[in-house]
Amino acid sequence: MAIQYILKSLNCLLSDEAVKDIESSTKDQAVSAKWNHQRKGRVTSSLFGKVLHWKTGQKGLEAQNLGKYFSDAAIEQGLNKKL
């Protein structure tokens, strides 16, 4: 029940038009300033597992979610394939 409430709340934050605008203007992802700006403060798919298992007092997640550059082997591989 709580997850449904959260998902419903998230859907109300952006209009369909805003979502389409963000999608079309951020296709270049990592090289897009707008893409990076939109990811800050959001629980994205790359952070969802960490958020799900996060424990109160645990350090590090805040910096990743607030915009500190995050990279791992999978992200580096994806970036290399795009270039």
PDB file of N, CA and C in Angstrom:
ATOM      1  N   MET A   1       0.818  -1.191   0.000  1.00  0.00           N
ATOM      2  CA  MET A   1       0.000   0.000   0.000  1.00  0.00           C
ATOM      3  C   MET A   1       0.861   1.253   0.000  1.00  0.00           C
ATOM      4  N   ALA A   2       1.903   1.292   0.808  1.00  0.00           N
ATOM      5  CA  ALA A   2       2.760   2.478   0.877  1.00  0.00           C
ATOM      6  C   ALA A   2       3.441   2.743  -0.460  1.00  0.00           C
ATOM      7  N   ILE A   3       3.903   1.693  -1.137  1.00  0.00           N
ATOM      8  CA  ILE A   3       4.592   1.886  -2.416  1.00  0.00           C
ATOM      9  C   ILE A   3       3.640   2.462  -3.456  1.00  0.00           C
ATOM     10  N   GLN A   4       2.382   2.063  -3.434  1.00  0.00           N
ATOM     11  CA  GLN A   4       1.406   2.614  -4.381  1.00  0.00           C
ATOM     12  C   GLN A   4       1.204   4.103  -4.131  1.00  0.00           C
ATOM     13  N   TYR A   5       1.165   4.505  -2.880  1.00  0.00           N
ATOM     14  CA  TYR A   5       1.021   5.919  -2.534  1.00  0.00           C
ATOM     15  C   TYR A   5       2.221   6.717  -3.039  1.00  0.00           C
ATOM     16  N   ILE A   6       3.416   6.173  -2.835  1.00  0.00           N
ATOM     17  CA  ILE A   6       4.635   6.851  -3.287  1.00  0.00           C
ATOM     18  C   ILE A   6       4.633   6.992  -4.798  1.00  0.00           C
ATOM     19  N   LEU A   7       4.325   5.911  -5.508  1.00  0.00           N
ATOM     20  CA  LEU A   7       4.312   5.970  -6.968  1.00  0.00           C
ATOM     21  C   LEU A   7       3.264   6.951  -7.475  1.00  0.00           C
ATOM     22  N   LYS A   8       2.108   6.981  -6.848  1.00  0.00           N
ATOM     23  CA  LYS A   8       1.068   7.928  -7.247  1.00  0.00           C
ATOM     24  C   LYS A   8       1.547   9.358  -7.015  1.00  0.00           C
ATOM     25  N   SER A   9       2.222   9.602  -5.908  1.00  0.00           N
ATOM     26  CA  SER A   9       2.750  10.933  -5.610  1.00  0.00           C
ATOM     27  C   SER A   9       3.789  11.358  -6.634  1.00  0.00           C
ATOM     28  N   LEU A  10       4.645  10.438  -7.031  1.00  0.00           N
ATOM     29  CA  LEU A  10       5.686  10.758  -8.010  1.00  0.00           C
ATOM     30  C   LEU A  10       5.077  11.129  -9.350  1.00  0.00           C
ATOM     31  N   ASN A  11       4.021  10.447  -9.749  1.00  0.00           N
ATOM     32  CA  ASN A  11       3.371  10.743 -11.020  1.00  0.00           C
ATOM     33  C   ASN A  11       2.798  12.147 -11.054  1.00  0.00           C
ATOM     34  N   CYS A  12       2.462  12.705  -9.930  1.00  0.00           N
ATOM     35  CA  CYS A  12       1.854  14.039  -9.869  1.00  0.00           C
ATOM     36  C   CYS A  12       2.880  15.157  -9.977  1.00  0.00           C
ATOM     37  N   LEU A  13       4.131  14.848  -9.861  1.00  0.00           N
ATOM     38  CA  LEU A  13       5.144  15.890  -9.835  1.00  0.00           C
ATOM     39  C   LEU A  13       5.420  16.497 -11.203  1.00  0.00           C
ATOM     40  N   LEU A  14       5.293  15.733 -12.256  1.00  0.00           N
ATOM     41  CA  LEU A  14       5.605  16.210 -13.599  1.00  0.00           C
ATOM     42  C   LEU A  14       4.434  15.946 -14.533  1.00  0.00           C
ATOM     43  N   SER A  15       4.155  16.917 -15.373  1.00  0.00           N
ATOM     44  CA  SER A  15       3.099  16.718 -16.369  1.00  0.00           C
ATOM     45  C   SER A  15       3.614  15.798 -17.469  1.00  0.00           C
ATOM     46  N   ASP A  16       2.704  15.233 -18.248  1.00  0.00           N
ATOM     47  CA  ASP A  16       3.108  14.392 -19.374  1.00  0.00           C
ATOM     48  C   ASP A  16       3.974  15.180 -20.344  1.00  0.00           C
ATOM     49  N   GLU A  17       3.623  16.440 -20.565  1.00  0.00           N
ATOM     50  CA  GLU A  17       4.402  17.290 -21.471  1.00  0.00           C
ATOM     51  C   GLU A  17       5.821  17.498 -20.940  1.00  0.00           C
ATOM     52  N   ALA A  18       5.954  17.714 -19.632  1.00  0.00           N
ATOM     53  CA  ALA A  18       7.277  17.898 -19.036  1.00  0.00           C
ATOM     54  C   ALA A  18       8.109  16.626 -19.165  1.00  0.00           C
ATOM     55  N   VAL A  19       7.485  15.479 -18.954  1.00  0.00           N
ATOM     56  CA  VAL A  19       8.194  14.201 -19.081  1.00  0.00           C
ATOM     57  C   VAL A  19       8.703  14.018 -20.506  1.00  0.00           C
ATOM     58  N   LYS A  20       7.862  14.305 -21.497  1.00  0.00           N
ATOM     59  CA  LYS A  20       8.268  14.169 -22.903  1.00  0.00           C
ATOM     60  C   LYS A  20       9.389  15.134 -23.248  1.00  0.00           C
ATOM     61  N   ASP A  21       9.327  16.359 -22.722  1.00  0.00           N
ATOM     62  CA  ASP A  21      10.378  17.344 -22.969  1.00  0.00           C
ATOM     63  C   ASP A  21      11.704  16.882 -22.379  1.00  0.00           C
ATOM     64  N   ILE A  22      11.664  16.400 -21.154  1.00  0.00           N
ATOM     65  CA  ILE A  22      12.886  15.907 -20.508  1.00  0.00           C
ATOM     66  C   ILE A  22      13.441  14.719 -21.278  1.00  0.00           C
ATOM     67  N   GLU A  23      12.577  13.804 -21.672  1.00  0.00           N
ATOM     68  CA  GLU A  23      13.021  12.617 -22.413  1.00  0.00           C
ATOM     69  C   GLU A  23      13.709  13.005 -23.717  1.00  0.00           C
ATOM     70  N   SER A  24      13.093  13.893 -24.482  1.00  0.00           N
ATOM     71  CA  SER A  24      13.656  14.247 -25.789  1.00  0.00           C
ATOM     72  C   SER A  24      14.931  15.075 -25.673  1.00  0.00           C
ATOM     73  N   SER A  25      15.051  15.851 -24.610  1.00  0.00           N
ATOM     74  CA  SER A  25      16.223  16.722 -24.498  1.00  0.00           C
ATOM     75  C   SER A  25      17.372  16.093 -23.720  1.00  0.00           C
ATOM     76  N   THR A  26      17.217  14.854 -23.276  1.00  0.00           N
ATOM     77  CA  THR A  26      18.275  14.211 -22.497  1.00  0.00           C
ATOM     78  C   THR A  26      18.728  12.889 -23.095  1.00  0.00           C
ATOM     79  N   LYS A  27      18.513  12.689 -24.373  1.00  0.00           N
ATOM     80  CA  LYS A  27      18.876  11.414 -24.997  1.00  0.00           C
ATOM     81  C   LYS A  27      20.377  11.144 -24.974  1.00  0.00           C
ATOM     82  N   ASP A  28      21.186  12.196 -24.913  1.00  0.00           N
ATOM     83  CA  ASP A  28      22.639  12.005 -24.870  1.00  0.00           C
ATOM     84  C   ASP A  28      23.139  11.672 -23.471  1.00  0.00           C
ATOM     85  N   GLN A  29      22.275  11.585 -22.540  1.00  0.00           N
ATOM     86  CA  GLN A  29      22.512  11.191 -21.158  1.00  0.00           C
ATOM     87  C   GLN A  29      23.743  11.828 -20.538  1.00  0.00           C
ATOM     88  N   ALA A  30      24.793  11.083 -20.315  1.00  0.00           N
ATOM     89  CA  ALA A  30      25.918  11.543 -19.509  1.00  0.00           C
ATOM     90  C   ALA A  30      26.546  12.844 -20.002  1.00  0.00           C
ATOM     91  N   VAL A  31      26.440  13.141 -21.280  1.00  0.00           N
ATOM     92  CA  VAL A  31      27.012  14.394 -21.785  1.00  0.00           C
ATOM     93  C   VAL A  31      25.978  15.521 -21.785  1.00  0.00           C
ATOM     94  N   SER A  32      24.792  15.251 -21.306  1.00  0.00           N
ATOM     95  CA  SER A  32      23.720  16.242 -21.268  1.00  0.00           C
ATOM     96  C   SER A  32      23.635  16.867 -19.875  1.00  0.00           C
ATOM     97  N   ALA A  33      23.845  18.180 -19.797  1.00  0.00           N
ATOM     98  CA  ALA A  33      23.743  18.873 -18.511  1.00  0.00           C
ATOM     99  C   ALA A  33      22.330  18.743 -17.947  1.00  0.00           C
ATOM    100  N   LYS A  34      21.339  18.800 -18.821  1.00  0.00           N
ATOM    101  CA  LYS A  34      19.951  18.686 -18.365  1.00  0.00           C
ATOM    102  C   LYS A  34      19.679  17.296 -17.797  1.00  0.00           C
ATOM    103  N   TRP A  35      20.243  16.268 -18.424  1.00  0.00           N
ATOM    104  CA  TRP A  35      20.077  14.896 -17.931  1.00  0.00           C
ATOM    105  C   TRP A  35      20.662  14.772 -16.530  1.00  0.00           C
ATOM    106  N   ASN A  36      21.876  15.274 -16.347  1.00  0.00           N
ATOM    107  CA  ASN A  36      22.514  15.203 -15.033  1.00  0.00           C
ATOM    108  C   ASN A  36      21.719  15.990 -13.994  1.00  0.00           C
ATOM    109  N   HIS A  37      21.209  17.151 -14.379  1.00  0.00           N
ATOM    110  CA  HIS A  37      20.409  17.967 -13.459  1.00  0.00           C
ATOM    111  C   HIS A  37      19.124  17.233 -13.052  1.00  0.00           C
ATOM    112  N   GLN A  38      18.469  16.587 -13.999  1.00  0.00           N
ATOM    113  CA  GLN A  38      17.218  15.881 -13.711  1.00  0.00           C
ATOM    114  C   GLN A  38      17.431  14.683 -12.788  1.00  0.00           C
ATOM    115  N   ARG A  39      18.607  14.072 -12.827  1.00  0.00           N
ATOM    116  CA  ARG A  39      18.879  12.899 -11.990  1.00  0.00           C
ATOM    117  C   ARG A  39      19.139  13.264 -10.535  1.00  0.00           C
ATOM    118  N   LYS A  40      19.609  14.474 -10.280  1.00  0.00           N
ATOM    119  CA  LYS A  40      19.951  14.874  -8.911  1.00  0.00           C
ATOM    120  C   LYS A  40      18.705  14.852  -8.036  1.00  0.00           C
ATOM    121  N   GLY A  41      18.819  14.192  -6.913  1.00  0.00           N
ATOM    122  CA  GLY A  41      17.728  14.142  -5.961  1.00  0.00           C
ATOM    123  C   GLY A  41      16.644  13.128  -6.270  1.00  0.00           C
ATOM    124  N   ARG A  42      16.787  12.395  -7.368  1.00  0.00           N
ATOM    125  CA  ARG A  42      15.780  11.392  -7.727  1.00  0.00           C
ATOM    126  C   ARG A  42      16.297   9.990  -7.404  1.00  0.00           C
ATOM    127  N   VAL A  43      15.391   9.120  -7.108  1.00  0.00           N
ATOM    128  CA  VAL A  43      15.742   7.713  -6.949  1.00  0.00           C
ATOM    129  C   VAL A  43      15.600   7.097  -8.330  1.00  0.00           C
ATOM    130  N   THR A  44      16.730   6.953  -9.009  1.00  0.00           N
ATOM    131  CA  THR A  44      16.744   6.394 -10.352  1.00  0.00           C
ATOM    132  C   THR A  44      16.920   4.882 -10.278  1.00  0.00           C
ATOM    133  N   SER A  45      16.771   4.219 -11.395  1.00  0.00           N
ATOM    134  CA  SER A  45      16.902   2.758 -11.395  1.00  0.00           C
ATOM    135  C   SER A  45      18.286   2.323 -10.928  1.00  0.00           C
ATOM    136  N   SER A  46      19.307   3.119 -11.219  1.00  0.00           N
ATOM    137  CA  SER A  46      20.657   2.740 -10.798  1.00  0.00           C
ATOM    138  C   SER A  46      20.846   2.870  -9.285  1.00  0.00           C
ATOM    139  N   LEU A  47      19.990   3.617  -8.605  1.00  0.00           N
ATOM    140  CA  LEU A  47      20.084   3.762  -7.149  1.00  0.00           C
ATOM    141  C   LEU A  47      19.004   2.992  -6.400  1.00  0.00           C
ATOM    142  N   PHE A  48      18.009   2.476  -7.104  1.00  0.00           N
ATOM    143  CA  PHE A  48      16.849   1.893  -6.434  1.00  0.00           C
ATOM    144  C   PHE A  48      17.227   0.762  -5.482  1.00  0.00           C
ATOM    145  N   GLY A  49      18.073  -0.145  -5.914  1.00  0.00           N
ATOM    146  CA  GLY A  49      18.477  -1.261  -5.056  1.00  0.00           C
ATOM    147  C   GLY A  49      19.183  -0.791  -3.803  1.00  0.00           C
ATOM    148  N   LYS A  50      20.025   0.230  -3.947  1.00  0.00           N
ATOM    149  CA  LYS A  50      20.727   0.768  -2.783  1.00  0.00           C
ATOM    150  C   LYS A  50      19.751   1.438  -1.824  1.00  0.00           C
ATOM    151  N   VAL A  51      18.786   2.161  -2.357  1.00  0.00           N
ATOM    152  CA  VAL A  51      17.781   2.814  -1.513  1.00  0.00           C
ATOM    153  C   VAL A  51      16.940   1.767  -0.794  1.00  0.00           C
ATOM    154  N   LEU A  52      16.574   0.723  -1.510  1.00  0.00           N
ATOM    155  CA  LEU A  52      15.747  -0.334  -0.942  1.00  0.00           C
ATOM    156  C   LEU A  52      16.419  -0.988   0.264  1.00  0.00           C
ATOM    157  N   HIS A  53      17.745  -1.159   0.190  1.00  0.00           N
ATOM    158  CA  HIS A  53      18.478  -1.848   1.249  1.00  0.00           C
ATOM    159  C   HIS A  53      19.200  -0.896   2.194  1.00  0.00           C
ATOM    160  N   TRP A  54      18.999   0.402   2.033  1.00  0.00           N
ATOM    161  CA  TRP A  54      19.675   1.401   2.848  1.00  0.00           C
ATOM    162  C   TRP A  54      19.200   1.329   4.285  1.00  0.00           C
ATOM    163  N   LYS A  55      20.133   1.479   5.202  1.00  0.00           N
ATOM    164  CA  LYS A  55      19.801   1.468   6.620  1.00  0.00           C
ATOM    165  C   LYS A  55      20.065   2.863   7.194  1.00  0.00           C
ATOM    166  N   THR A  56      19.244   3.286   8.131  1.00  0.00           N
ATOM    167  CA  THR A  56      19.405   4.589   8.769  1.00  0.00           C
ATOM    168  C   THR A  56      20.824   4.726   9.312  1.00  0.00           C
ATOM    169  N   GLY A  57      21.440   5.853   9.042  1.00  0.00           N
ATOM    170  CA  GLY A  57      22.793   6.107   9.517  1.00  0.00           C
ATOM    171  C   GLY A  57      23.878   5.679   8.545  1.00  0.00           C
ATOM    172  N   GLN A  58      23.522   4.921   7.540  1.00  0.00           N
ATOM    173  CA  GLN A  58      24.489   4.471   6.543  1.00  0.00           C
ATOM    174  C   GLN A  58      24.957   5.673   5.733  1.00  0.00           C
ATOM    175  N   LYS A  59      26.233   5.744   5.442  1.00  0.00           N
ATOM    176  CA  LYS A  59      26.786   6.898   4.738  1.00  0.00           C
ATOM    177  C   LYS A  59      26.986   6.598   3.259  1.00  0.00           C
ATOM    178  N   GLY A  60      27.039   7.634   2.456  1.00  0.00           N
ATOM    179  CA  GLY A  60      27.384   7.506   1.048  1.00  0.00           C
ATOM    180  C   GLY A  60      26.227   7.671   0.088  1.00  0.00           C
ATOM    181  N   LEU A  61      25.067   7.195   0.435  1.00  0.00           N
ATOM    182  CA  LEU A  61      23.927   7.255  -0.475  1.00  0.00           C
ATOM    183  C   LEU A  61      23.507   8.692  -0.743  1.00  0.00           C
ATOM    184  N   GLU A  62      23.572   9.532   0.268  1.00  0.00           N
ATOM    185  CA  GLU A  62      23.157  10.918   0.097  1.00  0.00           C
ATOM    186  C   GLU A  62      23.979  11.614  -0.978  1.00  0.00           C
ATOM    187  N   ALA A  63      25.283  11.414  -0.958  1.00  0.00           N
ATOM    188  CA  ALA A  63      26.152  12.068  -1.939  1.00  0.00           C
ATOM    189  C   ALA A  63      25.830  11.606  -3.349  1.00  0.00           C
ATOM    190  N   GLN A  64      25.563  10.315  -3.527  1.00  0.00           N
ATOM    191  CA  GLN A  64      25.227   9.811  -4.856  1.00  0.00           C
ATOM    192  C   GLN A  64      23.913  10.391  -5.335  1.00  0.00           C
ATOM    193  N   ASN A  65      22.947  10.470  -4.461  1.00  0.00           N
ATOM    194  CA  ASN A  65      21.626  10.935  -4.866  1.00  0.00           C
ATOM    195  C   ASN A  65      21.575  12.446  -5.055  1.00  0.00           C
ATOM    196  N   LEU A  66      22.468  13.179  -4.442  1.00  0.00           N
ATOM    197  CA  LEU A  66      22.454  14.633  -4.565  1.00  0.00           C
ATOM    198  C   LEU A  66      23.405  15.143  -5.633  1.00  0.00           C
ATOM    199  N   GLY A  67      24.034  14.263  -6.364  1.00  0.00           N
ATOM    200  CA  GLY A  67      24.765  14.711  -7.527  1.00  0.00           C
ATOM    201  C   GLY A  67      26.249  14.452  -7.557  1.00  0.00           C
ATOM    202  N   LYS A  68      26.829  13.882  -6.520  1.00  0.00           N
ATOM    203  CA  LYS A  68      28.233  13.528  -6.601  1.00  0.00           C
ATOM    204  C   LYS A  68      28.384  12.509  -7.721  1.00  0.00           C
ATOM    205  N   TYR A  69      29.412  12.636  -8.532  1.00  0.00           N
ATOM    206  CA  TYR A  69      29.590  11.743  -9.669  1.00  0.00           C
ATOM    207  C   TYR A  69      29.729  10.312  -9.189  1.00  0.00           C
ATOM    208  N   PHE A  70      28.946   9.450  -9.774  1.00  0.00           N
ATOM    209  CA  PHE A  70      28.966   8.033  -9.430  1.00  0.00           C
ATOM    210  C   PHE A  70      29.397   7.248 -10.654  1.00  0.00           C
ATOM    211  N   SER A  71      30.279   6.297 -10.459  1.00  0.00           N
ATOM    212  CA  SER A  71      30.709   5.455 -11.563  1.00  0.00           C
ATOM    213  C   SER A  71      31.048   4.072 -11.025  1.00  0.00           C
ATOM    214  N   ASP A  72      30.807   3.096 -11.834  1.00  0.00           N
ATOM    215  CA  ASP A  72      31.246   1.746 -11.535  1.00  0.00           C
ATOM    216  C   ASP A  72      31.543   1.063 -12.862  1.00  0.00           C
ATOM    217  N   ALA A  73      31.928  -0.190 -12.817  1.00  0.00           N
ATOM    218  CA  ALA A  73      32.328  -0.891 -14.036  1.00  0.00           C
ATOM    219  C   ALA A  73      31.203  -0.933 -15.065  1.00  0.00           C
ATOM    220  N   ALA A  74      29.967  -1.156 -14.619  1.00  0.00           N
ATOM    221  CA  ALA A  74      28.837  -1.238 -15.550  1.00  0.00           C
ATOM    222  C   ALA A  74      28.590   0.100 -16.240  1.00  0.00           C
ATOM    223  N   ILE A  75      28.698   1.187 -15.501  1.00  0.00           N
ATOM    224  CA  ILE A  75      28.497   2.512 -16.095  1.00  0.00           C
ATOM    225  C   ILE A  75      29.614   2.820 -17.085  1.00  0.00           C
ATOM    226  N   GLU A  76      30.839   2.528 -16.716  1.00  0.00           N
ATOM    227  CA  GLU A  76      31.970   2.762 -17.623  1.00  0.00           C
ATOM    228  C   GLU A  76      31.810   1.953 -18.910  1.00  0.00           C
ATOM    229  N   GLN A  77      31.380   0.703 -18.797  1.00  0.00           N
ATOM    230  CA  GLN A  77      31.172  -0.136 -19.976  1.00  0.00           C
ATOM    231  C   GLN A  77      30.083   0.464 -20.864  1.00  0.00           C
ATOM    232  N   GLY A  78      29.000   0.917 -20.261  1.00  0.00           N
ATOM    233  CA  GLY A  78      27.919   1.536 -21.025  1.00  0.00           C
ATOM    234  C   GLY A  78      28.369   2.797 -21.735  1.00  0.00           C
ATOM    235  N   LEU A  79      29.145   3.623 -21.050  1.00  0.00           N
ATOM    236  CA  LEU A  79      29.654   4.846 -21.670  1.00  0.00           C
ATOM    237  C   LEU A  79      30.578   4.524 -22.840  1.00  0.00           C
ATOM    238  N   ASN A  80      31.435   3.530 -22.667  1.00  0.00           N
ATOM    239  CA  ASN A  80      32.355   3.154 -23.743  1.00  0.00           C
ATOM    240  C   ASN A  80      31.611   2.617 -24.960  1.00  0.00           C
ATOM    241  N   LYS A  81      30.531   1.884 -24.755  1.00  0.00           N
ATOM    242  CA  LYS A  81      29.751   1.360 -25.880  1.00  0.00           C
ATOM    243  C   LYS A  81      29.033   2.473 -26.626  1.00  0.00           C
ATOM    244  N   LYS A  82      28.612   3.526 -25.907  1.00  0.00           N
ATOM    245  CA  LYS A  82      27.910   4.638 -26.544  1.00  0.00           C
ATOM    246  C   LYS A  82      28.851   5.472 -27.403  1.00  0.00           C
ATOM    247  N   LEU A  83      30.101   5.566 -26.971  1.00  0.00           N
ATOM    248  CA  LEU A  83      31.061   6.394 -27.699  1.00  0.00           C
ATOM    249  C   LEU A  83      31.604   5.599 -28.832  1.00  0.00           C
TER     250      LEU A  83
END
